[in-house]
């Protein structure tokens, strides 16, 4: 028997994301006042994705509790739709984007933090909030995968959705540079146009690899191959 029910864990994780988002938005940083605001950063987009995902998880738990012992076919149909949405978000957004943010951020940070998280940001963002945005995302999503089986979409549909998200964000970053003349991430300032294309292509491939890793891990944990 689990020491802490998974429903309680999901509710606690949702509250932690709400706290992180509120504290982050309360920070008066110059970057928040420029074109695109917080929405130009993948970290913030990922926080919103995780908060929405765990919100849907909590809503699914509540709906499941309320419909238990109820013979209403309509309520059962609505619950199945909610579960399908939860599983789709886990497969296509919450896991691959969350793992991508954590691994890419800390890999570049260790190499040269000025390329992704300039030391100047330490004056605005406390260490605990930085870890809330760039570290705890990974254990939270792994806890969810371990406590609940998620039905993945077909591989072609899943990869197409992940590619759509990745290309959409890349185009958004390029558009911000077109409007402002400044790249969202200092790393891009040091890359030539040709290298930028290779970098964006590599990023798209990596996030697709993380999608496949999530699918394999989900199957391994729940033994759905048998």
Protein backbone atom coordinates (compact mmCIF):
# COMPACT_ATOMS: atom_id res chain seq x y z
CA UNK A 1 0.00 0.00 0.00
CA UNK A 2 1.37 3.41 -0.97
CA UNK A 3 2.45 5.62 1.91
CA UNK A 4 0.94 8.64 0.12
CA UNK A 5 -1.98 8.15 -2.28
CA UNK A 6 -1.16 9.23 -5.82
CA UNK A 7 -4.17 11.59 -5.76
CA UNK A 8 -2.61 13.49 -2.85
CA UNK A 9 0.75 13.60 -4.64
CA UNK A 10 -0.82 15.09 -7.75
CA UNK A 11 -2.65 17.73 -5.73
CA UNK A 12 0.58 18.64 -3.90
CA UNK A 13 2.52 18.87 -7.18
CA UNK A 14 -0.20 21.07 -8.69
CA UNK A 15 -0.03 23.42 -5.69
CA UNK A 16 3.76 23.59 -5.98
CA UNK A 17 3.52 24.59 -9.65
CA UNK A 18 0.93 27.24 -8.83
CA UNK A 19 3.30 28.61 -6.17
CA UNK A 20 6.26 28.60 -8.58
CA UNK A 21 4.27 30.37 -11.29
CA UNK A 22 2.95 33.00 -8.89
CA UNK A 23 6.41 33.71 -7.48
CA UNK A 24 7.96 33.84 -10.95
CA UNK A 25 5.33 36.24 -12.30
CA UNK A 26 5.78 38.46 -9.23
CA UNK A 27 9.45 39.04 -10.11
CA UNK A 28 10.06 42.43 -11.68
CA UNK A 29 12.57 41.49 -14.37
CA UNK A 30 13.30 43.67 -17.42
CA UNK A 31 12.83 40.65 -19.70
CA UNK A 32 9.20 40.36 -18.62
CA UNK A 33 8.51 43.85 -19.96
CA UNK A 34 9.89 43.23 -23.46
CA UNK A 35 8.12 41.76 -26.49
CA UNK A 36 6.69 38.32 -25.74
CA UNK A 37 6.97 38.73 -21.98
CA UNK A 38 7.42 35.50 -20.06
CA UNK A 39 5.96 33.53 -22.98
CA UNK A 40 9.18 33.77 -24.97
CA UNK A 41 10.96 31.45 -22.51
CA UNK A 42 10.49 27.69 -22.89
CA UNK A 43 10.92 27.31 -19.12
CA UNK A 44 7.79 29.39 -18.47
CA UNK A 45 5.83 27.61 -21.20
CA UNK A 46 6.84 24.29 -19.65
CA UNK A 47 5.71 25.44 -16.19
CA UNK A 48 2.30 26.30 -17.64
CA UNK A 49 2.17 22.93 -19.41
CA UNK A 50 3.02 21.08 -16.19
CA UNK A 51 0.50 23.09 -14.15
CA UNK A 52 -2.28 22.48 -16.70
CA UNK A 53 -1.37 18.79 -16.94
CA UNK A 54 -1.44 18.19 -13.20
CA UNK A 55 -4.61 20.27 -13.00
CA UNK A 56 -6.20 17.84 -15.46
CA UNK A 57 -4.83 14.93 -13.39
CA UNK A 58 -6.48 16.30 -10.23
CA UNK A 59 -9.72 16.97 -12.12
CA UNK A 60 -9.64 13.39 -13.44
CA UNK A 61 -9.17 12.05 -9.91
CA UNK A 62 -12.10 14.11 -8.63
CA UNK A 63 -14.32 13.07 -11.55
CA UNK A 64 -13.40 9.43 -11.03
CA UNK A 65 -14.28 9.72 -7.34
CA UNK A 66 -17.62 11.40 -8.06
CA UNK A 67 -18.64 8.91 -10.76
CA UNK A 68 -17.69 5.85 -8.73
CA UNK A 69 -20.76 3.68 -8.29
CA UNK A 70 -22.70 5.86 -10.73
CA UNK A 71 -24.28 4.12 -13.72
CA UNK A 72 -24.57 7.27 -15.84
CA UNK A 73 -23.14 6.50 -19.27
CA UNK A 74 -22.74 10.20 -20.07
CA UNK A 75 -20.57 10.79 -17.00
CA UNK A 76 -18.56 7.71 -17.87
CA UNK A 77 -18.05 9.03 -21.40
CA UNK A 78 -16.92 12.42 -20.13
CA UNK A 79 -14.49 10.76 -17.71
CA UNK A 80 -12.97 8.73 -20.55
CA UNK A 81 -12.46 11.93 -22.56
CA UNK A 82 -10.73 13.52 -19.59
CA UNK A 83 -8.47 10.50 -19.17
CA UNK A 84 -7.62 10.57 -22.88
CA UNK A 85 -6.70 14.26 -22.65
CA UNK A 86 -4.57 13.58 -19.57
CA UNK A 87 -2.73 10.74 -21.29
CA UNK A 88 -2.18 12.77 -24.48
CA UNK A 89 -0.74 15.71 -22.55
CA UNK A 90 1.58 13.42 -20.61
CA UNK A 91 2.86 11.73 -23.75
CA UNK A 92 3.21 14.73 -26.08
CA UNK A 93 3.92 17.69 -23.78
CA UNK A 94 4.48 17.07 -20.07
CA UNK A 95 7.15 14.36 -20.37
CA UNK A 96 9.18 15.31 -23.49
CA UNK A 97 9.09 19.08 -22.91
CA UNK A 98 9.75 18.72 -19.18
CA UNK A 99 12.71 16.38 -19.64
CA UNK A 100 14.04 18.56 -22.48
CA UNK A 101 13.96 21.71 -20.34
CA UNK A 102 15.76 20.07 -17.42
CA UNK A 103 18.46 18.30 -19.44
CA UNK A 104 19.18 21.14 -21.87
CA UNK A 105 19.20 23.83 -19.19
CA UNK A 106 21.61 22.06 -16.85
CA UNK A 107 23.83 20.79 -19.67
CA UNK A 108 24.36 24.31 -21.02
CA UNK A 109 24.47 25.78 -17.50
CA UNK A 110 27.34 23.49 -16.52
CA UNK A 111 29.22 24.30 -19.74
CA UNK A 112 28.70 28.08 -19.55
CA UNK A 113 25.81 29.49 -17.58
CA UNK A 114 26.06 32.86 -19.34
CA UNK A 115 24.76 31.19 -22.51
CA UNK A 116 21.42 30.27 -20.95
CA UNK A 117 21.11 31.75 -17.44
CA UNK A 118 23.34 34.83 -16.95
CA UNK A 119 24.61 35.43 -13.42
CA UNK A 120 22.67 38.70 -13.43
CA UNK A 121 19.48 36.65 -12.99
CA UNK A 122 20.63 35.60 -9.51
CA UNK A 123 19.68 39.12 -8.41
CA UNK A 124 16.07 38.46 -9.43
CA UNK A 125 15.48 34.72 -9.13
CA UNK A 126 16.29 32.93 -5.82
CA UNK A 127 17.98 29.53 -5.99
CA UNK A 128 14.91 27.63 -4.78
CA UNK A 129 12.80 29.11 -7.57
CA UNK A 130 15.45 28.28 -10.15
CA UNK A 131 15.36 24.64 -9.04
CA UNK A 132 11.57 24.74 -9.02
CA UNK A 133 11.64 25.76 -12.68
CA UNK A 134 14.57 23.66 -13.90
CA UNK A 135 15.04 20.69 -11.56
CA UNK A 136 11.92 19.39 -9.82
CA UNK A 137 10.06 19.13 -13.13
CA UNK A 138 11.86 15.85 -13.85
CA UNK A 139 11.12 13.98 -10.59
CA UNK A 140 7.53 15.23 -10.63
CA UNK A 141 6.83 13.88 -14.10
CA UNK A 142 8.60 10.60 -13.28
CA UNK A 143 6.45 10.23 -10.15
CA UNK A 144 3.35 10.68 -12.28
CA UNK A 145 4.54 8.11 -14.80
CA UNK A 146 5.32 5.63 -12.04
CA UNK A 147 2.00 6.01 -10.21
CA UNK A 148 -0.36 6.06 -13.21
CA UNK A 149 -0.45 4.15 -16.48
CA UNK A 150 -0.85 6.45 -19.48
CA UNK A 151 -2.12 5.32 -22.85
CA UNK A 152 0.21 6.70 -25.52
CA UNK A 153 -1.15 7.72 -28.95
CA UNK A 154 0.10 6.01 -32.10
CA UNK A 155 3.78 6.72 -32.61
CA UNK A 156 3.23 8.66 -35.83
CA UNK A 157 0.59 10.93 -34.27
CA UNK A 158 2.68 11.43 -31.14
CA UNK A 159 5.84 12.35 -33.03
CA UNK A 160 3.87 14.64 -35.35
CA UNK A 161 2.45 16.50 -32.34
CA UNK A 162 5.87 16.83 -30.70
CA UNK A 163 7.40 18.10 -33.96
CA UNK A 164 4.58 20.62 -34.31
CA UNK A 165 5.28 21.97 -30.82
CA UNK A 166 9.05 22.12 -31.38
CA UNK A 167 8.82 23.83 -34.78
CA UNK A 168 6.16 26.21 -33.46
CA UNK A 169 8.39 27.32 -30.60
CA UNK A 170 11.42 27.69 -32.90
CA UNK A 171 9.38 29.89 -35.25
CA UNK A 172 8.20 31.92 -32.24
CA UNK A 173 11.83 32.49 -31.15
CA UNK A 174 12.79 33.52 -34.69
CA UNK A 175 9.83 35.89 -34.89
CA UNK A 176 10.84 37.56 -31.61
CA UNK A 177 14.32 38.08 -33.05
CA UNK A 178 12.80 39.50 -36.23
CA UNK A 179 10.75 42.01 -34.22
CA UNK A 180 13.26 42.97 -31.54
CA UNK A 181 16.64 42.13 -33.08
CA UNK A 182 17.54 40.19 -29.94
CA UNK A 183 17.63 36.41 -29.49
CA UNK A 184 15.72 35.01 -26.53
CA UNK A 185 18.74 32.96 -25.44
CA UNK A 186 22.28 34.43 -25.42
CA UNK A 187 23.56 31.13 -26.87
CA UNK A 188 21.98 31.93 -30.23
CA UNK A 189 23.91 35.18 -30.47
CA UNK A 190 27.13 33.19 -30.85
CA UNK A 191 25.92 30.90 -33.67
CA UNK A 192 26.18 31.60 -37.38
CA UNK A 193 22.99 31.27 -39.50
CA UNK A 194 24.03 27.85 -40.77
CA UNK A 195 24.87 26.57 -37.30
CA UNK A 196 21.55 27.93 -36.00
CA UNK A 197 19.70 25.76 -38.55
CA UNK A 198 21.69 22.72 -37.44
CA UNK A 199 21.05 23.61 -33.78
CA UNK A 200 17.28 23.98 -34.30
CA UNK A 201 17.18 20.68 -36.21
CA UNK A 202 19.12 18.95 -33.42
CA UNK A 203 16.78 20.38 -30.80
CA UNK A 204 13.77 19.01 -32.71
CA UNK A 205 15.40 15.58 -32.94
CA UNK A 206 16.27 15.58 -29.22
CA UNK A 207 12.74 16.38 -28.08
CA UNK A 208 11.44 13.58 -30.34
CA UNK A 209 13.96 11.21 -28.75
CA UNK A 210 12.60 12.19 -25.33
CA UNK A 211 9.09 11.39 -26.57
CA UNK A 212 10.25 7.91 -27.59
CA UNK A 213 12.05 7.51 -24.25
CA UNK A 214 8.81 8.34 -22.45
CA UNK A 215 6.91 5.77 -24.48
CA UNK A 216 9.51 3.08 -23.81
CA UNK A 217 9.69 3.94 -20.10
CA UNK A 218 5.90 3.89 -19.78
CA UNK A 219 5.77 0.46 -21.44
CA UNK A 220 8.59 -0.81 -19.24
CA UNK A 221 7.01 0.39 -16.00
CA UNK A 222 3.57 -0.95 -16.79
CA UNK A 223 4.67 -3.94 -18.89
CA UNK A 224 2.19 -3.06 -21.64
CA UNK A 225 4.22 -4.98 -24.23
CA UNK A 226 2.96 -8.29 -22.82
